[in-house]
Amino acid sequence: MNLPSLPASELLAARVQAWQAWCQTDPQAKCSATRRLAAWGHRTNALRAPQSRARNPDADDPGKDDPGKDDPGKDDPGKDDPGKDDPGKDDPGADELSASAPGAVDLEITDLARSDFERALVDPPLRPGRPARPLLVHPRQVPDRGVGSEVGRAALLHAIAHIEFNAIDLALDAIWRFDEMPSHWVSDWIRVALDEARHFTMLQAELRLRGHEYGDFEAHDGLWEMALRTRDDVLLRVALVPRLLEARGLDVTPRIIERLRGAGDRRAIAILEVILREEVAHVAIGNAWFHRLCEQRGLDPRVAWDGLAQAHAVASPAPPFNRTARMQAGFDESELQRWEERARIARL
């Protein structure tokens, strides 16, 4: 039996809340607003356990499948993570969650906020709320992040924190910008936004233990530049953000963990292992929606991805691949072999 979709009023409320969180310039405020959005999702049953979703191939809702199938961490989003079950745990601003985790009737969305949001749908802003720092520079100008020194490891963690901060905005942007998408699209990206906010908070806390803050090191804006390039087509967004850029993290993170292991940095390793495990599910969500959207448009997924990548001058993913993680995230062996063969030919 299919679960009901969110009523239109609650779907609009979720999108307004996502937009309000997206507009926050202070990182802590953005994370707290994201947690309030997720708490509202739990209150309204917008965040359903993946295993409870119906698998009726004739269902009208394209979000019915479980994109995290075979991912042992997906069925229980908080498994092995002591901070996951409580969205506000260890957050100085979390006390308000129990009182203000809003339901459909107590969202406290003002008429002004709603009208601003509706204007934003007509003329979407290009940039989310951001703090004054870090200084954004060209990728080639970002200093090397070697792990042989304390400052090098701090710079590395800062770079990952910057990715996670951008990932919060990307998930929130997916909720409110693509307003034609159904309720399961919204619930999937609420879940992702909550995870990314928690990842950023973990990394920010670790940076502070090392005497640094988010913003202390230079960073680049490559991830958000891709968001701008994909803002007009939801298929393009899922093709080039989760399937390309975020999936690259599945390949790179294990190598970073090994470098940190050589430096004996156990705290950083523990954080990155949590992030890697949960990013598998995020990429799986993007992969599942890519295939559903291709099916809706009558497109072959491989032909569609190649066409989008070529049209937007994007190279195919480069090996070596983290095969285990990519397969869990919804890629198949033939696809990985095809990209490996392209890379081999390019080296000739």
Foldseek 3Di string as FASTA:
>chain_A
DADDFDPPLVLLLLLLLLQVLQQDADLLSSLQSLLLSVLQCVVAVLQPQQVPFDDDPPDPALLRHRLQPPQVCRRPVCPPPVCPVQLCPPRPPSVCNVVRSDYSPRSPQDPVSSVVLVVCLVVPDLHTHHYPFDAADPPVPFDAQAPQDLVSVLSVLLQVLVVLSVLLSLLSCQSNNPSVHTSSSSNLSSSSNSVSSVLNVLSQVVSVVSVHGNRPGYYHDVLSVLCSVCSPDPLLSLLPRLVPVLQVCLFCLVVVLVSVVVVVPVSVNVSSVSVNSVSLSVSSSSLSVNVSVCVVVVHDSVVVSVVSCVVVVHQDHEDDHPVVSVVSSPDDPVVVVVSHVVNVVVVD
